[in-house]
Protein backbone atom coordinates (compact mmCIF):
# COMPACT_ATOMS: atom_id res chain seq x y z
CA VAL A 1 0.00 0.00 0.00
CA GLN A 2 1.31 3.44 -0.92
CA LEU A 3 0.18 6.82 0.33
CA GLN A 4 1.51 9.73 -1.69
CA ALA A 5 1.31 13.09 0.06
CA SER A 6 1.71 16.31 -1.88
CA GLY A 7 0.85 19.99 -1.82
CA GLY A 8 3.29 21.32 0.73
CA GLY A 9 5.27 24.47 0.19
CA LEU A 10 6.11 27.92 1.46
CA VAL A 11 3.28 30.26 2.34
CA GLN A 12 2.95 33.50 4.26
CA ALA A 13 1.12 33.65 7.55
CA GLY A 14 -2.59 34.01 6.96
CA GLY A 15 -2.42 32.10 3.71
CA SER A 16 -3.83 28.76 2.65
CA LEU A 17 -2.60 25.46 1.31
CA ARG A 18 -4.30 22.23 0.34
CA LEU A 19 -2.53 18.94 0.92
CA SER A 20 -3.45 15.77 -0.93
CA CYS A 21 -2.90 12.15 -0.02
CA ALA A 22 -3.41 9.68 -2.84
CA ALA A 23 -3.81 6.05 -1.83
CA SER A 24 -2.94 3.07 -4.00
CA ARG A 25 -6.14 1.35 -2.93
CA SER A 26 -9.63 2.37 -1.87
CA ILE A 27 -9.56 4.73 1.10
CA PHE A 28 -12.59 2.83 2.41
CA SER A 29 -10.32 -0.17 2.93
CA PHE A 30 -9.01 1.82 5.89
CA ALA A 31 -10.96 2.38 9.09
CA ALA A 32 -9.89 6.00 8.90
CA MET A 33 -7.53 8.36 7.11
CA GLY A 34 -5.55 10.94 8.99
CA TRP A 35 -3.11 13.79 8.76
CA TYR A 36 -0.33 14.18 11.29
CA ARG A 37 2.54 16.62 11.51
CA GLN A 38 5.95 16.81 13.06
CA ALA A 39 7.75 20.06 13.69
CA PRO A 40 11.52 20.16 14.29
CA GLY A 41 12.34 18.95 17.77
CA LYS A 42 8.75 17.98 18.51
CA GLN A 43 6.75 14.79 18.56
CA ARG A 44 4.44 13.86 15.76
CA GLU A 45 0.92 15.05 16.51
CA LEU A 46 -2.57 14.51 15.21
CA VAL A 47 -3.89 17.15 12.85
CA ALA A 48 -7.12 15.62 11.58
CA VAL A 49 -8.77 12.24 11.15
CA LEU A 50 -11.62 11.26 8.86
CA ASP A 51 -13.38 8.01 9.71
CA SER A 52 -14.88 5.81 7.03
CA ASP A 53 -18.32 6.81 8.31
CA GLY A 54 -17.53 10.46 7.63
CA SER A 55 -16.95 11.62 11.18
CA THR A 56 -13.98 13.88 11.80
CA ASN A 57 -11.67 14.77 14.62
CA TYR A 58 -9.23 17.67 14.74
CA GLY A 59 -6.28 18.64 16.85
CA ALA A 60 -7.05 21.52 19.18
CA THR A 61 -4.58 23.88 17.54
CA VAL A 62 -6.08 23.51 14.05
CA LYS A 63 -9.78 23.22 14.78
CA GLY A 64 -11.73 25.82 12.87
CA ARG A 65 -8.86 26.48 10.44
CA PHE A 66 -8.21 23.11 8.82
CA THR A 67 -10.67 20.81 7.08
CA ILE A 68 -10.16 17.17 6.14
CA SER A 69 -12.14 15.75 3.24
CA ARG A 70 -12.03 12.96 0.71
CA ASP A 71 -12.73 12.10 -2.89
CA SER A 72 -13.45 8.39 -2.92
CA ALA A 73 -13.42 8.23 -6.72
CA LYS A 74 -9.81 9.41 -6.66
CA ASN A 75 -8.83 7.48 -3.51
CA THR A 76 -7.58 10.79 -2.18
CA VAL A 77 -7.85 12.58 1.13
CA TYR A 78 -7.33 16.32 1.39
CA LEU A 79 -6.35 18.73 4.11
CA GLN A 80 -7.44 22.28 3.47
CA MET A 81 -5.41 24.59 5.66
CA ASN A 82 -6.55 28.19 6.08
CA HIS A 83 -5.32 31.05 8.22
CA LEU A 84 -1.93 29.42 8.47
CA LYS A 85 0.41 30.42 11.28
CA PRO A 86 4.19 30.08 11.61
CA GLU A 87 3.62 27.42 14.25
CA ASP A 88 1.93 25.26 11.61
CA THR A 89 5.35 24.79 10.03
CA ALA A 90 6.05 21.05 9.99
CA VAL A 91 6.32 17.96 7.85
CA TYR A 92 2.79 16.71 7.27
CA TYR A 93 2.15 13.00 6.95
CA CYS A 94 -0.92 11.14 5.87
CA LYS A 95 -1.81 7.86 7.48
CA GLY A 96 -4.17 5.04 6.66
CA LEU A 97 -5.48 3.54 9.86
CA GLY A 98 -6.69 -0.02 10.19
CA VAL A 99 -5.55 -3.44 11.30
CA ILE A 100 -2.23 -2.32 9.84
CA ASP A 101 -1.39 1.38 9.68
CA TYR A 102 0.35 2.88 6.68
CA TRP A 103 2.25 6.17 6.54
CA GLY A 104 2.88 8.39 3.56
CA GLN A 105 6.28 9.98 2.96
CA GLY A 106 5.45 13.45 4.27
CA THR A 107 5.28 16.87 2.69
CA LEU A 108 6.89 20.00 4.13
CA VAL A 109 4.79 23.03 4.97
CA THR A 110 6.64 26.21 5.85
CA VAL A 111 4.72 29.25 7.05
CA SER A 112 6.66 32.49 7.12
CA SER A 113 5.78 35.36 9.43
């Protein structure tokens, strides 16, 4: 199983980015799809999770600014990030959760002040 994350880049504070995570198999084969991030010197943390039933869960620091969604026809999960802050700077990883979890390779998001 492969998860290909893309869409990272450099953006100014207050700007927006949309990350994509393309899966090599149906995203409904996973119990949930999630986005996590890891900033330098910090532990990896939950950003957002989208369950197969459509329910979502967000990390406290991104709630109200980020939105996770999916396109099942494209086997792709998205993370729309608005009102970005410098503290959102991190490598963002997508994850397929299930009996076995799978991680994507990560995409770097840098938010300048």
